[in-house]
Amino acid sequence: MLNVFDIVKLTQIDHKEIDSNQVVVTDGNGKPNAVLTELLNDVIGNMRIFIDMSQIYSVTDLTEALATHTPLPDDVLEEYEKVLREPIFNINFVPKRGQVELVVGE
């Protein structure tokens, strides 16, 4: 089963890595999960600033790289790891908004 990390790693919009404002985490009914979306947006923002994703192949690789290259505390990295490991049940592309909705928690 794919998880949030897999989608973030693999998805591009207009041949560019997805940006933090292009990803929304939702439930099965399309209702946004503000907490997970904000956390994921934070992860993506830090990834884009500090990490070369071409060298990252797993959640563990990413959290280790963030621990090495950022001043983020362990508790924040643990929360990042949790959201990145969330299983994805569906993906909904919303071209009008340039967004990708990741459906979790079914």
Protein backbone atom coordinates (compact mmCIF):
# COMPACT_ATOMS: atom_id res chain seq x y z
CA MET A 1 0.00 0.00 0.00
CA LEU A 2 1.24 3.47 -0.82
CA ASN A 3 1.75 5.99 1.93
CA VAL A 4 1.92 9.79 2.01
CA PHE A 5 5.71 9.76 1.52
CA ASP A 6 5.39 7.70 -1.69
CA ILE A 7 2.96 10.20 -3.17
CA VAL A 8 5.04 13.22 -2.18
CA LYS A 9 8.14 11.58 -3.65
CA LEU A 10 6.52 10.48 -6.92
CA THR A 11 4.00 13.21 -7.76
CA GLN A 12 4.80 16.14 -10.00
CA ILE A 13 2.59 18.92 -11.30
CA ASP A 14 3.72 20.46 -14.59
CA HIS A 15 6.94 18.43 -14.29
CA LYS A 16 7.87 20.05 -10.96
CA GLU A 17 7.91 18.58 -7.46
CA ILE A 18 4.71 19.31 -5.62
CA ASP A 19 4.74 22.35 -3.40
CA SER A 20 3.28 22.53 0.08
CA ASN A 21 0.21 24.49 -1.04
CA GLN A 22 -0.63 21.83 -3.65
CA VAL A 23 -1.37 18.97 -1.24
CA VAL A 24 -4.45 18.50 0.94
CA VAL A 25 -5.10 15.53 3.21
CA THR A 26 -8.76 14.49 3.27
CA ASP A 27 -11.00 11.75 4.59
CA GLY A 28 -13.00 9.42 2.37
CA ASN A 29 -15.77 11.99 1.96
CA GLY A 30 -13.41 14.69 0.74
CA LYS A 31 -13.44 16.58 4.03
CA PRO A 32 -10.03 18.20 4.57
CA ASN A 33 -8.04 17.21 7.64
CA ALA A 34 -6.55 20.55 8.66
CA VAL A 35 -4.11 19.10 11.21
CA LEU A 36 -2.58 16.51 8.85
CA THR A 37 -2.57 18.98 5.93
CA GLU A 38 -0.73 21.62 7.96
CA LEU A 39 1.77 19.06 9.22
CA LEU A 40 2.37 17.69 5.71
CA ASN A 41 2.75 21.21 4.31
CA ASP A 42 5.40 21.87 6.96
CA VAL A 43 7.22 18.64 6.03
CA ILE A 44 7.17 19.51 2.32
CA GLY A 45 8.35 23.06 2.99
CA ASN A 46 11.33 21.80 4.98
CA MET A 47 12.07 19.13 2.37
CA ARG A 48 12.24 21.74 -0.38
CA ILE A 49 14.56 24.00 1.63
CA PHE A 50 16.96 21.50 3.17
CA ILE A 51 16.86 18.15 1.35
CA ASP A 52 17.89 16.81 -2.06
CA MET A 53 15.00 14.42 -2.65
CA SER A 54 16.86 12.59 -5.43
CA GLN A 55 18.90 10.97 -2.65
CA ILE A 56 15.89 10.06 -0.46
CA TYR A 57 14.15 6.69 -0.89
CA SER A 58 12.20 6.14 2.33
CA VAL A 59 10.56 7.84 5.29
CA THR A 60 13.57 6.83 7.39
CA ASP A 61 15.97 8.41 4.90
CA LEU A 62 13.97 11.63 4.97
CA THR A 63 13.67 11.91 8.75
CA GLU A 64 17.38 11.15 9.16
CA ALA A 65 18.27 13.81 6.58
CA LEU A 66 16.00 16.35 8.27
CA ALA A 67 17.56 15.51 11.65
CA THR A 68 21.02 16.10 10.16
CA HIS A 69 20.29 19.25 8.15
CA THR A 70 17.74 21.11 10.28
CA PRO A 71 17.41 22.20 13.89
CA LEU A 72 14.04 20.41 14.18
CA PRO A 73 13.52 18.72 17.55
CA ASP A 74 12.92 14.97 17.81
CA ASP A 75 9.22 15.35 18.68
CA VAL A 76 8.60 17.31 15.47
CA LEU A 77 10.48 14.71 13.42
CA GLU A 78 8.35 11.98 15.02
CA GLU A 79 5.18 13.81 13.96
CA TYR A 80 6.59 14.21 10.45
CA GLU A 81 7.27 10.48 10.35
CA LYS A 82 3.70 9.69 11.44
CA VAL A 83 2.09 11.77 8.68
CA LEU A 84 4.50 10.44 6.04
CA ARG A 85 3.64 6.84 6.96
CA GLU A 86 -0.14 7.39 6.72
CA PRO A 87 -1.56 4.90 4.20
CA ILE A 88 -3.20 6.40 1.11
CA PHE A 89 -6.54 4.97 0.06
CA ASN A 90 -7.16 7.24 -2.91
CA ILE A 91 -5.74 10.23 -4.75
CA ASN A 92 -7.94 12.95 -6.17
CA PHE A 93 -6.43 15.47 -8.59
CA VAL A 94 -8.11 18.89 -8.62
CA PRO A 95 -6.79 20.61 -11.75
CA LYS A 96 -8.78 23.83 -11.24
CA ARG A 97 -6.94 24.44 -7.97
CA GLY A 98 -3.69 22.73 -8.96
CA GLN A 99 -4.05 20.45 -5.96
CA VAL A 100 -3.67 16.83 -5.08
CA GLU A 101 -5.99 15.44 -2.40
CA LEU A 102 -4.58 12.49 -0.49
CA VAL A 103 -7.41 10.40 0.95
CA VAL A 104 -6.40 8.76 4.25
CA GLY A 105 -8.16 6.96 7.08
CA GLU A 106 -10.85 4.94 5.34
